[in-house]
PDB file of N, CA and C in Angstrom:
ATOM      1  N   MET A   1     115.550 -59.972 169.523  1.00  0.00           N
ATOM      2  CA  MET A   1     114.763 -60.168 168.324  1.00  0.00           C
ATOM      3  C   MET A   1     113.291 -60.382 168.647  1.00  0.00           C
ATOM      4  N   GLY A   2     112.979 -60.967 169.806  1.00  0.00           N
ATOM      5  CA  GLY A   2     111.596 -61.190 170.186  1.00  0.00           C
ATOM      6  C   GLY A   2     110.809 -59.895 170.256  1.00  0.00           C
ATOM      7  N   LYS A   3     111.449 -58.848 170.750  1.00  0.00           N
ATOM      8  CA  LYS A   3     110.793 -57.551 170.831  1.00  0.00           C
ATOM      9  C   LYS A   3     110.447 -57.044 169.430  1.00  0.00           C
ATOM     10  N   CYS A   4     111.360 -57.168 168.498  1.00  0.00           N
ATOM     11  CA  CYS A   4     111.113 -56.722 167.119  1.00  0.00           C
ATOM     12  C   CYS A   4     109.964 -57.500 166.501  1.00  0.00           C
ATOM     13  N   LYS A   5     109.888 -58.788 166.763  1.00  0.00           N
ATOM     14  CA  LYS A   5     108.801 -59.600 166.227  1.00  0.00           C
ATOM     15  C   LYS A   5     107.459 -59.080 166.733  1.00  0.00           C
ATOM     16  N   ASN A   6     107.392 -58.733 168.005  1.00  0.00           N
ATOM     17  CA  ASN A   6     106.152 -58.199 168.573  1.00  0.00           C
ATOM     18  C   ASN A   6     105.808 -56.838 167.976  1.00  0.00           C
ATOM     19  N   ILE A   7     106.798 -55.989 167.793  1.00  0.00           N
ATOM     20  CA  ILE A   7     106.558 -54.645 167.266  1.00  0.00           C
ATOM     21  C   ILE A   7     106.110 -54.710 165.810  1.00  0.00           C
ATOM     22  N   THR A   8     106.762 -55.525 165.010  1.00  0.00           N
ATOM     23  CA  THR A   8     106.348 -55.620 163.603  1.00  0.00           C
ATOM     24  C   THR A   8     104.942 -56.216 163.506  1.00  0.00           C
ATOM     25  N   ARG A   9     104.610 -57.114 164.394  1.00  0.00           N
ATOM     26  CA  ARG A   9     103.250 -57.659 164.404  1.00  0.00           C
ATOM     27  C   ARG A   9     102.243 -56.563 164.743  1.00  0.00           C
ATOM     28  N   LEU A  10     102.567 -55.730 165.730  1.00  0.00           N
ATOM     29  CA  LEU A  10     101.674 -54.623 166.080  1.00  0.00           C
ATOM     30  C   LEU A  10     101.531 -53.642 164.916  1.00  0.00           C
ATOM     31  N   LEU A  11     102.636 -53.350 164.240  1.00  0.00           N
ATOM     32  CA  LEU A  11     102.566 -52.444 163.096  1.00  0.00           C
ATOM     33  C   LEU A  11     101.662 -53.010 162.005  1.00  0.00           C
ATOM     34  N   SER A  12     101.736 -54.311 161.793  1.00  0.00           N
ATOM     35  CA  SER A  12     100.851 -54.956 160.821  1.00  0.00           C
ATOM     36  C   SER A  12      99.408 -54.956 161.313  1.00  0.00           C
ATOM     37  N   ASP A  13      99.214 -55.253 162.591  1.00  0.00           N
ATOM     38  CA  ASP A  13      97.864 -55.258 163.169  1.00  0.00           C
ATOM     39  C   ASP A  13      97.197 -53.895 163.028  1.00  0.00           C
ATOM     40  N   ALA A  14      97.990 -52.832 163.119  1.00  0.00           N
ATOM     41  CA  ALA A  14      97.447 -51.476 163.053  1.00  0.00           C
ATOM     42  C   ALA A  14      96.778 -51.201 161.705  1.00  0.00           C
ATOM     43  N   LEU A  15      97.101 -51.992 160.693  1.00  0.00           N
ATOM     44  CA  LEU A  15      96.461 -51.836 159.394  1.00  0.00           C
ATOM     45  C   LEU A  15      95.017 -52.346 159.422  1.00  0.00           C
ATOM     46  N   ASP A  16      94.730 -53.272 160.338  1.00  0.00           N
ATOM     47  CA  ASP A  16      93.431 -53.935 160.369  1.00  0.00           C
ATOM     48  C   ASP A  16      92.550 -53.559 161.556  1.00  0.00           C
ATOM     49  N   ARG A  17      93.156 -53.029 162.587  1.00  0.00           N
ATOM     50  CA  ARG A  17      92.388 -52.702 163.785  1.00  0.00           C
ATOM     51  C   ARG A  17      93.017 -51.528 164.510  1.00  0.00           C
ATOM     52  N   SER A  18      92.258 -50.946 165.409  1.00  0.00           N
ATOM     53  CA  SER A  18      92.796 -49.873 166.242  1.00  0.00           C
ATOM     54  C   SER A  18      93.623 -50.494 167.360  1.00  0.00           C
ATOM     55  N   LEU A  19      94.810 -49.972 167.535  1.00  0.00           N
ATOM     56  CA  LEU A  19      95.654 -50.467 168.613  1.00  0.00           C
ATOM     57  C   LEU A  19      95.287 -49.778 169.916  1.00  0.00           C
ATOM     58  N   THR A  20      95.581 -50.454 171.009  1.00  0.00           N
ATOM     59  CA  THR A  20      95.350 -49.854 172.320  1.00  0.00           C
ATOM     60  C   THR A  20      96.430 -48.819 172.594  1.00  0.00           C
ATOM     61  N   THR A  21      96.182 -47.993 173.577  1.00  0.00           N
ATOM     62  CA  THR A  21      97.180 -46.997 173.960  1.00  0.00           C
ATOM     63  C   THR A  21      98.475 -47.681 174.371  1.00  0.00           C
ATOM     64  N   GLY A  22      98.381 -48.771 175.095  1.00  0.00           N
ATOM     65  CA  GLY A  22      99.573 -49.505 175.523  1.00  0.00           C
ATOM     66  C   GLY A  22     100.380 -50.042 174.358  1.00  0.00           C
ATOM     67  N   GLU A  23      99.675 -50.498 173.325  1.00  0.00           N
ATOM     68  CA  GLU A  23     100.370 -51.003 172.141  1.00  0.00           C
ATOM     69  C   GLU A  23     101.093 -49.877 171.415  1.00  0.00           C
ATOM     70  N   TRP A  24     100.444 -48.706 171.298  1.00  0.00           N
ATOM     71  CA  TRP A  24     101.104 -47.559 170.660  1.00  0.00           C
ATOM     72  C   TRP A  24     102.310 -47.112 171.479  1.00  0.00           C
ATOM     73  N   VAL A  25     102.193 -47.161 172.797  1.00  0.00           N
ATOM     74  CA  VAL A  25     103.322 -46.776 173.656  1.00  0.00           C
ATOM     75  C   VAL A  25     104.498 -47.716 173.420  1.00  0.00           C
ATOM     76  N   ALA A  26     104.217 -49.018 173.348  1.00  0.00           N
ATOM     77  CA  ALA A  26     105.287 -49.995 173.098  1.00  0.00           C
ATOM     78  C   ALA A  26     105.991 -49.702 171.771  1.00  0.00           C
ATOM     79  N   ILE A  27     105.209 -49.384 170.748  1.00  0.00           N
ATOM     80  CA  ILE A  27     105.785 -49.060 169.439  1.00  0.00           C
ATOM     81  C   ILE A  27     106.636 -47.801 169.537  1.00  0.00           C
ATOM     82  N   ARG A  28     106.085 -46.761 170.146  1.00  0.00           N
ATOM     83  CA  ARG A  28     106.799 -45.483 170.233  1.00  0.00           C
ATOM     84  C   ARG A  28     108.078 -45.581 171.048  1.00  0.00           C
ATOM     85  N   LEU A  29     108.113 -46.442 172.035  1.00  0.00           N
ATOM     86  CA  LEU A  29     109.334 -46.622 172.824  1.00  0.00           C
ATOM     87  C   LEU A  29     110.382 -47.433 172.068  1.00  0.00           C
ATOM     88  N   HIS A  30     109.936 -48.338 171.225  1.00  0.00           N
ATOM     89  CA  HIS A  30     110.861 -49.226 170.523  1.00  0.00           C
ATOM     90  C   HIS A  30     111.456 -48.606 169.255  1.00  0.00           C
ATOM     91  N   LEU A  31     110.642 -47.905 168.482  1.00  0.00           N
ATOM     92  CA  LEU A  31     111.099 -47.421 167.172  1.00  0.00           C
ATOM     93  C   LEU A  31     112.344 -46.530 167.205  1.00  0.00           C
ATOM     94  N   PRO A  32     112.491 -45.624 168.174  1.00  0.00           N
ATOM     95  CA  PRO A  32     113.697 -44.781 168.146  1.00  0.00           C
ATOM     96  C   PRO A  32     115.010 -45.563 168.259  1.00  0.00           C
ATOM     97  N   THR A  33     114.945 -46.773 168.796  1.00  0.00           N
ATOM     98  CA  THR A  33     116.171 -47.537 168.999  1.00  0.00           C
ATOM     99  C   THR A  33     116.366 -48.663 167.989  1.00  0.00           C
ATOM    100  N   CYS A  34     115.430 -48.811 167.048  1.00  0.00           N
ATOM    101  CA  CYS A  34     115.506 -49.965 166.148  1.00  0.00           C
ATOM    102  C   CYS A  34     115.290 -49.557 164.690  1.00  0.00           C
ATOM    103  N   SER A  35     116.359 -49.495 163.940  1.00  0.00           N
ATOM    104  CA  SER A  35     116.254 -49.109 162.533  1.00  0.00           C
ATOM    105  C   SER A  35     115.527 -50.168 161.712  1.00  0.00           C
ATOM    106  N   GLY A  36     115.640 -51.421 162.087  1.00  0.00           N
ATOM    107  CA  GLY A  36     114.953 -52.478 161.357  1.00  0.00           C
ATOM    108  C   GLY A  36     113.435 -52.324 161.415  1.00  0.00           C
ATOM    109  N   CYS A  37     112.921 -52.031 162.592  1.00  0.00           N
ATOM    110  CA  CYS A  37     111.473 -51.841 162.741  1.00  0.00           C
ATOM    111  C   CYS A  37     111.015 -50.539 162.099  1.00  0.00           C
ATOM    112  N   ARG A  38     111.857 -49.504 162.147  1.00  0.00           N
ATOM    113  CA  ARG A  38     111.504 -48.258 161.442  1.00  0.00           C
ATOM    114  C   ARG A  38     111.426 -48.503 159.947  1.00  0.00           C
ATOM    115  N   ASN A  39     112.348 -49.286 159.421  1.00  0.00           N
ATOM    116  CA  ASN A  39     112.322 -49.614 157.990  1.00  0.00           C
ATOM    117  C   ASN A  39     111.090 -50.449 157.649  1.00  0.00           C
ATOM    118  N   TYR A  40     110.730 -51.371 158.511  1.00  0.00           N
ATOM    119  CA  TYR A  40     109.528 -52.178 158.285  1.00  0.00           C
ATOM    120  C   TYR A  40     108.297 -51.280 158.234  1.00  0.00           C
ATOM    121  N   ARG A  41     108.202 -50.325 159.153  1.00  0.00           N
ATOM    122  CA  ARG A  41     107.066 -49.395 159.166  1.00  0.00           C
ATOM    123  C   ARG A  41     107.003 -48.611 157.854  1.00  0.00           C
ATOM    124  N   LYS A  42     108.149 -48.151 157.364  1.00  0.00           N
ATOM    125  CA  LYS A  42     108.177 -47.424 156.087  1.00  0.00           C
ATOM    126  C   LYS A  42     107.716 -48.314 154.945  1.00  0.00           C
ATOM    127  N   GLN A  43     108.145 -49.572 154.955  1.00  0.00           N
ATOM    128  CA  GLN A  43     107.783 -50.491 153.880  1.00  0.00           C
ATOM    129  C   GLN A  43     106.285 -50.780 153.860  1.00  0.00           C
ATOM    130  N   ILE A  44     105.686 -51.004 155.021  1.00  0.00           N
ATOM    131  CA  ILE A  44     104.254 -51.301 154.999  1.00  0.00           C
ATOM    132  C   ILE A  44     103.443 -50.060 154.656  1.00  0.00           C
ATOM    133  N   ARG A  45     103.943 -48.884 155.021  1.00  0.00           N
ATOM    134  CA  ARG A  45     103.271 -47.645 154.597  1.00  0.00           C
ATOM    135  C   ARG A  45     103.310 -47.512 153.083  1.00  0.00           C
ATOM    136  N   LEU A  46     104.475 -47.770 152.499  1.00  0.00           N
ATOM    137  CA  LEU A  46     104.623 -47.691 151.046  1.00  0.00           C
ATOM    138  C   LEU A  46     103.690 -48.676 150.350  1.00  0.00           C
ATOM    139  N   LEU A  47     103.615 -49.888 150.857  1.00  0.00           N
ATOM    140  CA  LEU A  47     102.730 -50.885 150.276  1.00  0.00           C
ATOM    141  C   LEU A  47     101.268 -50.471 150.392  1.00  0.00           C
ATOM    142  N   ARG A  48     100.897 -49.864 151.508  1.00  0.00           N
ATOM    143  CA  ARG A  48      99.510 -49.416 151.695  1.00  0.00           C
ATOM    144  C   ARG A  48      99.170 -48.301 150.705  1.00  0.00           C
ATOM    145  N   VAL A  49     100.074 -47.343 150.545  1.00  0.00           N
ATOM    146  CA  VAL A  49      99.851 -46.254 149.599  1.00  0.00           C
ATOM    147  C   VAL A  49      99.767 -46.805 148.182  1.00  0.00           C
ATOM    148  N   ALA A  50     100.643 -47.737 147.835  1.00  0.00           N
ATOM    149  CA  ALA A  50     100.632 -48.337 146.498  1.00  0.00           C
ATOM    150  C   ALA A  50      99.321 -49.077 146.250  1.00  0.00           C
ATOM    151  N   ALA A  51      98.829 -49.796 147.245  1.00  0.00           N
ATOM    152  CA  ALA A  51      97.571 -50.523 147.092  1.00  0.00           C
ATOM    153  C   ALA A  51      96.404 -49.561 146.899  1.00  0.00           C
ATOM    154  N   HIS A  52      96.387 -48.470 147.672  1.00  0.00           N
ATOM    155  CA  HIS A  52      95.324 -47.470 147.518  1.00  0.00           C
ATOM    156  C   HIS A  52      95.398 -46.811 146.141  1.00  0.00           C
ATOM    157  N   THR A  53      96.599 -46.514 145.695  1.00  0.00           N
ATOM    158  CA  THR A  53      96.778 -45.892 144.386  1.00  0.00           C
ATOM    159  C   THR A  53      96.317 -46.840 143.276  1.00  0.00           C
ATOM    160  N   ALA A  54      96.708 -48.093 143.385  1.00  0.00           N
ATOM    161  CA  ALA A  54      96.342 -49.075 142.371  1.00  0.00           C
ATOM    162  C   ALA A  54      94.831 -49.294 142.307  1.00  0.00           C
ATOM    163  N   SER A  55      94.177 -49.169 143.454  1.00  0.00           N
ATOM    164  CA  SER A  55      92.726 -49.389 143.471  1.00  0.00           C
ATOM    165  C   SER A  55      91.953 -48.119 143.141  1.00  0.00           C
ATOM    166  N   GLY A  56      92.667 -47.004 143.005  1.00  0.00           N
ATOM    167  CA  GLY A  56      92.021 -45.743 142.677  1.00  0.00           C
ATOM    168  C   GLY A  56      91.397 -45.048 143.866  1.00  0.00           C
ATOM    169  N   SER A  57      91.711 -45.503 145.080  1.00  0.00           N
ATOM    170  CA  SER A  57      91.119 -44.893 146.268  1.00  0.00           C
ATOM    171  C   SER A  57      92.125 -44.100 147.090  1.00  0.00           C
ATOM    172  N   ALA A  58      93.230 -43.717 146.456  1.00  0.00           N
ATOM    173  CA  ALA A  58      94.251 -42.968 147.186  1.00  0.00           C
ATOM    174  C   ALA A  58      93.760 -41.564 147.497  1.00  0.00           C
ATOM    175  N   THR A  59      93.875 -41.202 148.732  1.00  0.00           N
ATOM    176  CA  THR A  59      93.549 -39.846 149.166  1.00  0.00           C
ATOM    177  C   THR A  59      94.618 -39.393 150.139  1.00  0.00           C
ATOM    178  N   PRO A  60      94.940 -38.114 150.147  1.00  0.00           N
ATOM    179  CA  PRO A  60      95.917 -37.640 151.125  1.00  0.00           C
ATOM    180  C   PRO A  60      95.414 -37.932 152.533  1.00  0.00           C
ATOM    181  N   GLY A  61      96.313 -38.417 153.371  1.00  0.00           N
ATOM    182  CA  GLY A  61      95.931 -38.718 154.741  1.00  0.00           C
ATOM    183  C   GLY A  61      95.330 -40.085 154.921  1.00  0.00           C
ATOM    184  N   ALA A  62      95.267 -40.877 153.847  1.00  0.00           N
ATOM    185  CA  ALA A  62      94.688 -42.204 153.941  1.00  0.00           C
ATOM    186  C   ALA A  62      95.679 -43.231 154.458  1.00  0.00           C
ATOM    187  N   VAL A  63      96.873 -42.772 154.783  1.00  0.00           N
ATOM    188  CA  VAL A  63      97.919 -43.658 155.255  1.00  0.00           C
ATOM    189  C   VAL A  63      97.716 -43.921 156.739  1.00  0.00           C
ATOM    190  N   GLN A  64      98.195 -45.049 157.206  1.00  0.00           N
ATOM    191  CA  GLN A  64      98.056 -45.472 158.581  1.00  0.00           C
ATOM    192  C   GLN A  64      98.413 -44.385 159.564  1.00  0.00           C
ATOM    193  N   ARG A  65      97.670 -44.324 160.644  1.00  0.00           N
ATOM    194  CA  ARG A  65      97.899 -43.343 161.722  1.00  0.00           C
ATOM    195  C   ARG A  65      99.258 -43.611 162.356  1.00  0.00           C
ATOM    196  N   ASP A  66     100.004 -42.565 162.584  1.00  0.00           N
ATOM    197  CA  ASP A  66     101.326 -42.674 163.193  1.00  0.00           C
ATOM    198  C   ASP A  66     101.292 -41.999 164.541  1.00  0.00           C
ATOM    199  N   GLU A  67     101.168 -42.812 165.581  1.00  0.00           N
ATOM    200  CA  GLU A  67     101.129 -42.237 166.936  1.00  0.00           C
ATOM    201  C   GLU A  67     102.418 -42.489 167.637  1.00  0.00           C
TER     202      GLU A  67
END
């Protein structure tokens, strides 16, 4: 569970700052094996799109970078 806590924190951090290459590598290695973290990533993407739509600033491609 500790690994998932770190990954979800990185996914949240990615909304506010650029992640390092090492952080993206950690995410990319973890996500294929963890449905919980994949679901969390989908949920925060949905929330980000909803927030952009609600504020009137939604544009295609405005969603978080997926590396």
